[in-house]
Amino acid sequence: MHEHAGAGSSAHSSPAEIQAMLKYMLAHNEHHAEELSDLSHDLSHLGLDGAARELELCVEEYKRGNNRLASVLKKLEE
């Protein structure tokens, strides 16, 4: 397990600060998606295909959320 920096704090004083936090969170979430995908492959190799498929659906949800975060970041950069 690891700590989530800034978890629960919401006092960001500027758009640049929010943008920096979103960049961090996007990279962090992308890392989680990779870890979940690895676990899905492990489940598949253990013959737990149903659980592996369900976990891959979770990965797809992460990716959708990450795409939306990337879209917000793009808007902030305009």
PDB file of N, CA and C in Angstrom:
ATOM      1  N   MET A   1       0.835  -1.170   0.000  1.00  0.00           N
ATOM      2  CA  MET A   1       0.000   0.000   0.000  1.00  0.00           C
ATOM      3  C   MET A   1       0.887   1.243   0.000  1.00  0.00           C
ATOM      4  N   HIS A   2       0.284   2.335  -0.347  1.00  0.00           N
ATOM      5  CA  HIS A   2       1.025   3.581  -0.396  1.00  0.00           C
ATOM      6  C   HIS A   2       0.136   4.727   0.045  1.00  0.00           C
ATOM      7  N   GLU A   3       0.764   5.840   0.359  1.00  0.00           N
ATOM      8  CA  GLU A   3       0.024   7.025   0.780  1.00  0.00           C
ATOM      9  C   GLU A   3      -0.485   7.781  -0.424  1.00  0.00           C
ATOM     10  N   HIS A   4      -1.596   8.455  -0.279  1.00  0.00           N
ATOM     11  CA  HIS A   4      -2.141   9.322  -1.308  1.00  0.00           C
ATOM     12  C   HIS A   4      -1.883  10.755  -0.884  1.00  0.00           C
ATOM     13  N   ALA A   5      -0.897  11.369  -1.486  1.00  0.00           N
ATOM     14  CA  ALA A   5      -0.538  12.744  -1.146  1.00  0.00           C
ATOM     15  C   ALA A   5      -1.706  13.669  -1.388  1.00  0.00           C
ATOM     16  N   GLY A   6      -1.973  14.497  -0.412  1.00  0.00           N
ATOM     17  CA  GLY A   6      -3.010  15.497  -0.569  1.00  0.00           C
ATOM     18  C   GLY A   6      -4.425  14.952  -0.486  1.00  0.00           C
ATOM     19  N   ALA A   7      -4.576  13.684  -0.154  1.00  0.00           N
ATOM     20  CA  ALA A   7      -5.916  13.105  -0.100  1.00  0.00           C
ATOM     21  C   ALA A   7      -6.761  13.865   0.904  1.00  0.00           C
ATOM     22  N   GLY A   8      -7.905  14.314   0.470  1.00  0.00           N
ATOM     23  CA  GLY A   8      -8.822  14.997   1.349  1.00  0.00           C
ATOM     24  C   GLY A   8      -8.651  16.497   1.397  1.00  0.00           C
ATOM     25  N   SER A   9      -7.559  17.011   0.887  1.00  0.00           N
ATOM     26  CA  SER A   9      -7.387  18.458   0.915  1.00  0.00           C
ATOM     27  C   SER A   9      -8.021  19.059  -0.324  1.00  0.00           C
ATOM     28  N   SER A  10      -8.614  20.242  -0.158  1.00  0.00           N
ATOM     29  CA  SER A  10      -9.266  20.861  -1.297  1.00  0.00           C
ATOM     30  C   SER A  10      -8.950  22.352  -1.402  1.00  0.00           C
ATOM     31  N   ALA A  11      -7.941  22.823  -0.704  1.00  0.00           N
ATOM     32  CA  ALA A  11      -7.605  24.247  -0.717  1.00  0.00           C
ATOM     33  C   ALA A  11      -6.486  24.510  -1.718  1.00  0.00           C
ATOM     34  N   HIS A  12      -6.849  24.598  -2.986  1.00  0.00           N
ATOM     35  CA  HIS A  12      -5.881  24.906  -4.033  1.00  0.00           C
ATOM     36  C   HIS A  12      -6.123  26.338  -4.466  1.00  0.00           C
ATOM     37  N   SER A  13      -5.063  27.130  -4.478  1.00  0.00           N
ATOM     38  CA  SER A  13      -5.225  28.567  -4.612  1.00  0.00           C
ATOM     39  C   SER A  13      -5.161  29.099  -6.041  1.00  0.00           C
ATOM     40  N   SER A  14      -4.810  28.254  -6.996  1.00  0.00           N
ATOM     41  CA  SER A  14      -4.688  28.776  -8.356  1.00  0.00           C
ATOM     42  C   SER A  14      -4.988  27.680  -9.384  1.00  0.00           C
ATOM     43  N   PRO A  15      -5.347  28.098 -10.604  1.00  0.00           N
ATOM     44  CA  PRO A  15      -5.537  27.101 -11.669  1.00  0.00           C
ATOM     45  C   PRO A  15      -4.267  26.283 -11.920  1.00  0.00           C
ATOM     46  N   ALA A  16      -3.106  26.918 -11.810  1.00  0.00           N
ATOM     47  CA  ALA A  16      -1.848  26.187 -12.027  1.00  0.00           C
ATOM     48  C   ALA A  16      -1.643  25.112 -10.966  1.00  0.00           C
ATOM     49  N   GLU A  17      -2.026  25.411  -9.737  1.00  0.00           N
ATOM     50  CA  GLU A  17      -1.907  24.428  -8.658  1.00  0.00           C
ATOM     51  C   GLU A  17      -2.861  23.259  -8.896  1.00  0.00           C
ATOM     52  N   ILE A  18      -4.066  23.561  -9.329  1.00  0.00           N
ATOM     53  CA  ILE A  18      -5.039  22.507  -9.635  1.00  0.00           C
ATOM     54  C   ILE A  18      -4.546  21.673 -10.809  1.00  0.00           C
ATOM     55  N   GLN A  19      -3.999  22.328 -11.818  1.00  0.00           N
ATOM     56  CA  GLN A  19      -3.463  21.616 -12.975  1.00  0.00           C
ATOM     57  C   GLN A  19      -2.338  20.676 -12.556  1.00  0.00           C
ATOM     58  N   ALA A  20      -1.449  21.138 -11.697  1.00  0.00           N
ATOM     59  CA  ALA A  20      -0.346  20.297 -11.221  1.00  0.00           C
ATOM     60  C   ALA A  20      -0.889  19.084 -10.462  1.00  0.00           C
ATOM     61  N   MET A  21      -1.911  19.300  -9.633  1.00  0.00           N
ATOM     62  CA  MET A  21      -2.497  18.193  -8.877  1.00  0.00           C
ATOM     63  C   MET A  21      -3.169  17.198  -9.808  1.00  0.00           C
ATOM     64  N   LEU A  22      -3.887  17.704 -10.821  1.00  0.00           N
ATOM     65  CA  LEU A  22      -4.533  16.803 -11.778  1.00  0.00           C
ATOM     66  C   LEU A  22      -3.512  15.991 -12.563  1.00  0.00           C
ATOM     67  N   LYS A  23      -2.391  16.614 -12.938  1.00  0.00           N
ATOM     68  CA  LYS A  23      -1.329  15.875 -13.646  1.00  0.00           C
ATOM     69  C   LYS A  23      -0.803  14.742 -12.780  1.00  0.00           C
ATOM     70  N   TYR A  24      -0.572  15.059 -11.500  1.00  0.00           N
ATOM     71  CA  TYR A  24      -0.102  14.039 -10.567  1.00  0.00           C
ATOM     72  C   TYR A  24      -1.132  12.909 -10.462  1.00  0.00           C
ATOM     73  N   MET A  25      -2.404  13.280 -10.286  1.00  0.00           N
ATOM     74  CA  MET A  25      -3.446  12.274 -10.101  1.00  0.00           C
ATOM     75  C   MET A  25      -3.611  11.412 -11.340  1.00  0.00           C
ATOM     76  N   LEU A  26      -3.492  12.008 -12.527  1.00  0.00           N
ATOM     77  CA  LEU A  26      -3.594  11.233 -13.764  1.00  0.00           C
ATOM     78  C   LEU A  26      -2.477  10.201 -13.840  1.00  0.00           C
ATOM     79  N   ALA A  27      -1.244  10.619 -13.581  1.00  0.00           N
ATOM     80  CA  ALA A  27      -0.121   9.679 -13.612  1.00  0.00           C
ATOM     81  C   ALA A  27      -0.303   8.583 -12.565  1.00  0.00           C
ATOM     82  N   HIS A  28      -0.780   8.975 -11.411  1.00  0.00           N
ATOM     83  CA  HIS A  28      -1.014   8.034 -10.310  1.00  0.00           C
ATOM     84  C   HIS A  28      -2.067   7.002 -10.710  1.00  0.00           C
ATOM     85  N   ASN A  29      -3.161   7.479 -11.299  1.00  0.00           N
ATOM     86  CA  ASN A  29      -4.226   6.574 -11.736  1.00  0.00           C
ATOM     87  C   ASN A  29      -3.767   5.653 -12.859  1.00  0.00           C
ATOM     88  N   GLU A  30      -2.954   6.188 -13.781  1.00  0.00           N
ATOM     89  CA  GLU A  30      -2.421   5.345 -14.861  1.00  0.00           C
ATOM     90  C   GLU A  30      -1.586   4.215 -14.286  1.00  0.00           C
ATOM     91  N   HIS A  31      -0.826   4.513 -13.245  1.00  0.00           N
ATOM     92  CA  HIS A  31      -0.015   3.484 -12.589  1.00  0.00           C
ATOM     93  C   HIS A  31      -0.922   2.423 -11.956  1.00  0.00           C
ATOM     94  N   HIS A  32      -1.998   2.875 -11.301  1.00  0.00           N
ATOM     95  CA  HIS A  32      -2.947   1.918 -10.715  1.00  0.00           C
ATOM     96  C   HIS A  32      -3.561   1.029 -11.793  1.00  0.00           C
ATOM     97  N   ALA A  33      -3.919   1.603 -12.924  1.00  0.00           N
ATOM     98  CA  ALA A  33      -4.511   0.814 -14.013  1.00  0.00           C
ATOM     99  C   ALA A  33      -3.528  -0.258 -14.484  1.00  0.00           C
ATOM    100  N   GLU A  34      -2.259   0.102 -14.589  1.00  0.00           N
ATOM    101  CA  GLU A  34      -1.233  -0.879 -14.991  1.00  0.00           C
ATOM    102  C   GLU A  34      -1.128  -2.002 -13.961  1.00  0.00           C
ATOM    103  N   GLU A  35      -1.144  -1.636 -12.683  1.00  0.00           N
ATOM    104  CA  GLU A  35      -1.064  -2.650 -11.628  1.00  0.00           C
ATOM    105  C   GLU A  35      -2.273  -3.586 -11.677  1.00  0.00           C
ATOM    106  N   LEU A  36      -3.456  -3.021 -11.874  1.00  0.00           N
ATOM    107  CA  LEU A  36      -4.663  -3.848 -11.952  1.00  0.00           C
ATOM    108  C   LEU A  36      -4.626  -4.774 -13.157  1.00  0.00           C
ATOM    109  N   SER A  37      -4.115  -4.276 -14.269  1.00  0.00           N
ATOM    110  CA  SER A  37      -3.993  -5.112 -15.460  1.00  0.00           C
ATOM    111  C   SER A  37      -3.034  -6.272 -15.202  1.00  0.00           C
ATOM    112  N   ASP A  38      -1.937  -5.999 -14.526  1.00  0.00           N
ATOM    113  CA  ASP A  38      -0.989  -7.064 -14.176  1.00  0.00           C
ATOM    114  C   ASP A  38      -1.658  -8.116 -13.297  1.00  0.00           C
ATOM    115  N   LEU A  39      -2.454  -7.646 -12.329  1.00  0.00           N
ATOM    116  CA  LEU A  39      -3.163  -8.588 -11.459  1.00  0.00           C
ATOM    117  C   LEU A  39      -4.170  -9.416 -12.243  1.00  0.00           C
ATOM    118  N   SER A  40      -4.800  -8.804 -13.224  1.00  0.00           N
ATOM    119  CA  SER A  40      -5.740  -9.539 -14.072  1.00  0.00           C
ATOM    120  C   SER A  40      -5.029 -10.668 -14.816  1.00  0.00           C
ATOM    121  N   HIS A  41      -3.848 -10.350 -15.348  1.00  0.00           N
ATOM    122  CA  HIS A  41      -3.067 -11.385 -16.040  1.00  0.00           C
ATOM    123  C   HIS A  41      -2.685 -12.507 -15.076  1.00  0.00           C
ATOM    124  N   ASP A  42      -2.329 -12.133 -13.846  1.00  0.00           N
ATOM    125  CA  ASP A  42      -1.983 -13.145 -12.844  1.00  0.00           C
ATOM    126  C   ASP A  42      -3.177 -14.045 -12.559  1.00  0.00           C
ATOM    127  N   LEU A  43      -4.356 -13.437 -12.417  1.00  0.00           N
ATOM    128  CA  LEU A  43      -5.564 -14.231 -12.172  1.00  0.00           C
ATOM    129  C   LEU A  43      -5.836 -15.193 -13.325  1.00  0.00           C
ATOM    130  N   SER A  44      -5.643 -14.705 -14.535  1.00  0.00           N
ATOM    131  CA  SER A  44      -5.863 -15.549 -15.709  1.00  0.00           C
ATOM    132  C   SER A  44      -4.914 -16.743 -15.711  1.00  0.00           C
ATOM    133  N   HIS A  45      -3.655 -16.480 -15.375  1.00  0.00           N
ATOM    134  CA  HIS A  45      -2.662 -17.573 -15.335  1.00  0.00           C
ATOM    135  C   HIS A  45      -2.974 -18.583 -14.234  1.00  0.00           C
ATOM    136  N   LEU A  46      -3.712 -18.146 -13.228  1.00  0.00           N
ATOM    137  CA  LEU A  46      -4.111 -19.054 -12.153  1.00  0.00           C
ATOM    138  C   LEU A  46      -5.414 -19.777 -12.472  1.00  0.00           C
ATOM    139  N   GLY A  47      -5.957 -19.527 -13.671  1.00  0.00           N
ATOM    140  CA  GLY A  47      -7.185 -20.184 -14.080  1.00  0.00           C
ATOM    141  C   GLY A  47      -8.442 -19.502 -13.562  1.00  0.00           C
ATOM    142  N   LEU A  48      -8.306 -18.309 -13.043  1.00  0.00           N
ATOM    143  CA  LEU A  48      -9.448 -17.574 -12.503  1.00  0.00           C
ATOM    144  C   LEU A  48      -9.932 -16.553 -13.539  1.00  0.00           C
ATOM    145  N   ASP A  49     -10.396 -17.096 -14.663  1.00  0.00           N
ATOM    146  CA  ASP A  49     -10.731 -16.266 -15.818  1.00  0.00           C
ATOM    147  C   ASP A  49     -11.886 -15.303 -15.576  1.00  0.00           C
ATOM    148  N   GLY A  50     -12.874 -15.729 -14.818  1.00  0.00           N
ATOM    149  CA  GLY A  50     -14.006 -14.841 -14.532  1.00  0.00           C
ATOM    150  C   GLY A  50     -13.561 -13.607 -13.758  1.00  0.00           C
ATOM    151  N   ALA A  51     -12.748 -13.829 -12.738  1.00  0.00           N
ATOM    152  CA  ALA A  51     -12.235 -12.710 -11.946  1.00  0.00           C
ATOM    153  C   ALA A  51     -11.310 -11.844 -12.801  1.00  0.00           C
ATOM    154  N   ALA A  52     -10.532 -12.469 -13.664  1.00  0.00           N
ATOM    155  CA  ALA A  52      -9.616 -11.725 -14.543  1.00  0.00           C
ATOM    156  C   ALA A  52     -10.395 -10.818 -15.483  1.00  0.00           C
ATOM    157  N   ARG A  53     -11.464 -11.337 -16.055  1.00  0.00           N
ATOM    158  CA  ARG A  53     -12.299 -10.526 -16.962  1.00  0.00           C
ATOM    159  C   ARG A  53     -12.935  -9.351 -16.219  1.00  0.00           C
ATOM    160  N   GLU A  54     -13.429  -9.621 -15.018  1.00  0.00           N
ATOM    161  CA  GLU A  54     -14.054  -8.555 -14.221  1.00  0.00           C
ATOM    162  C   GLU A  54     -13.029  -7.469 -13.878  1.00  0.00           C
ATOM    163  N   LEU A  55     -11.825  -7.885 -13.552  1.00  0.00           N
ATOM    164  CA  LEU A  55     -10.778  -6.913 -13.229  1.00  0.00           C
ATOM    165  C   LEU A  55     -10.393  -6.107 -14.459  1.00  0.00           C
ATOM    166  N   GLU A  56     -10.397  -6.728 -15.622  1.00  0.00           N
ATOM    167  CA  GLU A  56     -10.107  -5.981 -16.857  1.00  0.00           C
ATOM    168  C   GLU A  56     -11.188  -4.938 -17.127  1.00  0.00           C
ATOM    169  N   LEU A  57     -12.429  -5.231 -16.749  1.00  0.00           N
ATOM    170  CA  LEU A  57     -13.489  -4.228 -16.860  1.00  0.00           C
ATOM    171  C   LEU A  57     -13.193  -3.044 -15.942  1.00  0.00           C
ATOM    172  N   CYS A  58     -12.652  -3.328 -14.773  1.00  0.00           N
ATOM    173  CA  CYS A  58     -12.238  -2.250 -13.864  1.00  0.00           C
ATOM    174  C   CYS A  58     -11.148  -1.402 -14.505  1.00  0.00           C
ATOM    175  N   VAL A  59     -10.209  -2.047 -15.164  1.00  0.00           N
ATOM    176  CA  VAL A  59      -9.120  -1.334 -15.838  1.00  0.00           C
ATOM    177  C   VAL A  59      -9.698  -0.418 -16.915  1.00  0.00           C
ATOM    178  N   GLU A  60     -10.667  -0.908 -17.652  1.00  0.00           N
ATOM    179  CA  GLU A  60     -11.289  -0.078 -18.688  1.00  0.00           C
ATOM    180  C   GLU A  60     -11.966   1.147 -18.074  1.00  0.00           C
ATOM    181  N   GLU A  61     -12.586   0.975 -16.906  1.00  0.00           N
ATOM    182  CA  GLU A  61     -13.203   2.113 -16.214  1.00  0.00           C
ATOM    183  C   GLU A  61     -12.134   3.125 -15.800  1.00  0.00           C
ATOM    184  N   TYR A  62     -11.033   2.642 -15.272  1.00  0.00           N
ATOM    185  CA  TYR A  62      -9.916   3.526 -14.931  1.00  0.00           C
ATOM    186  C   TYR A  62      -9.480   4.318 -16.160  1.00  0.00           C
ATOM    187  N   LYS A  63      -9.339   3.617 -17.287  1.00  0.00           N
ATOM    188  CA  LYS A  63      -8.880   4.281 -18.509  1.00  0.00           C
ATOM    189  C   LYS A  63      -9.871   5.343 -18.967  1.00  0.00           C
ATOM    190  N   ARG A  64     -11.163   5.057 -18.839  1.00  0.00           N
ATOM    191  CA  ARG A  64     -12.174   6.060 -19.205  1.00  0.00           C
ATOM    192  C   ARG A  64     -12.050   7.288 -18.308  1.00  0.00           C
ATOM    193  N   GLY A  65     -11.905   7.058 -17.022  1.00  0.00           N
ATOM    194  CA  GLY A  65     -11.724   8.169 -16.088  1.00  0.00           C
ATOM    195  C   GLY A  65     -10.451   8.948 -16.381  1.00  0.00           C
ATOM    196  N   ASN A  66      -9.391   8.234 -16.706  1.00  0.00           N
ATOM    197  CA  ASN A  66      -8.123   8.897 -17.029  1.00  0.00           C
ATOM    198  C   ASN A  66      -8.247   9.731 -18.298  1.00  0.00           C
ATOM    199  N   ASN A  67      -8.994   9.244 -19.270  1.00  0.00           N
ATOM    200  CA  ASN A  67      -9.218  10.025 -20.491  1.00  0.00           C
ATOM    201  C   ASN A  67      -9.964  11.314 -20.175  1.00  0.00           C
ATOM    202  N   ARG A  68     -10.902  11.238 -19.251  1.00  0.00           N
ATOM    203  CA  ARG A  68     -11.643  12.443 -18.865  1.00  0.00           C
ATOM    204  C   ARG A  68     -10.735  13.415 -18.114  1.00  0.00           C
ATOM    205  N   LEU A  69      -9.891  12.900 -17.246  1.00  0.00           N
ATOM    206  CA  LEU A  69      -8.929  13.776 -16.561  1.00  0.00           C
ATOM    207  C   LEU A  69      -8.007  14.451 -17.571  1.00  0.00           C
ATOM    208  N   ALA A  70      -7.547  13.702 -18.549  1.00  0.00           N
ATOM    209  CA  ALA A  70      -6.691  14.267 -19.592  1.00  0.00           C
ATOM    210  C   ALA A  70      -7.423  15.368 -20.353  1.00  0.00           C
ATOM    211  N   SER A  71      -8.712  15.183 -20.572  1.00  0.00           N
ATOM    212  CA  SER A  71      -9.512  16.191 -21.249  1.00  0.00           C
ATOM    213  C   SER A  71      -9.603  17.470 -20.419  1.00  0.00           C
ATOM    214  N   VAL A  72      -9.795  17.326 -19.124  1.00  0.00           N
ATOM    215  CA  VAL A  72      -9.831  18.494 -18.234  1.00  0.00           C
ATOM    216  C   VAL A  72      -8.486  19.215 -18.291  1.00  0.00           C
ATOM    217  N   LEU A  73      -7.404  18.464 -18.231  1.00  0.00           N
ATOM    218  CA  LEU A  73      -6.072  19.081 -18.287  1.00  0.00           C
ATOM    219  C   LEU A  73      -5.874  19.842 -19.593  1.00  0.00           C
ATOM    220  N   LYS A  74      -6.344  19.272 -20.685  1.00  0.00           N
ATOM    221  CA  LYS A  74      -6.215  19.946 -21.975  1.00  0.00           C
ATOM    222  C   LYS A  74      -6.967  21.270 -21.964  1.00  0.00           C
ATOM    223  N   LYS A  75      -8.148  21.286 -21.380  1.00  0.00           N
ATOM    224  CA  LYS A  75      -8.931  22.511 -21.293  1.00  0.00           C
ATOM    225  C   LYS A  75      -8.228  23.567 -20.440  1.00  0.00           C
ATOM    226  N   LEU A  76      -7.567  23.123 -19.396  1.00  0.00           N
ATOM    227  CA  LEU A  76      -6.838  24.049 -18.535  1.00  0.00           C
ATOM    228  C   LEU A  76      -5.610  24.635 -19.230  1.00  0.00           C
ATOM    229  N   GLU A  77      -5.084  23.887 -20.185  1.00  0.00           N
ATOM    230  CA  GLU A  77      -3.886  24.333 -20.914  1.00  0.00           C
ATOM    231  C   GLU A  77      -4.229  25.289 -22.051  1.00  0.00           C
ATOM    232  N   GLU A  78      -5.506  25.391 -22.405  1.00  0.00           N
ATOM    233  CA  GLU A  78      -5.919  26.263 -23.523  1.00  0.00           C
ATOM    234  C   GLU A  78      -5.820  27.725 -23.158  1.00  0.00           C
TER     235      GLU A  78
END
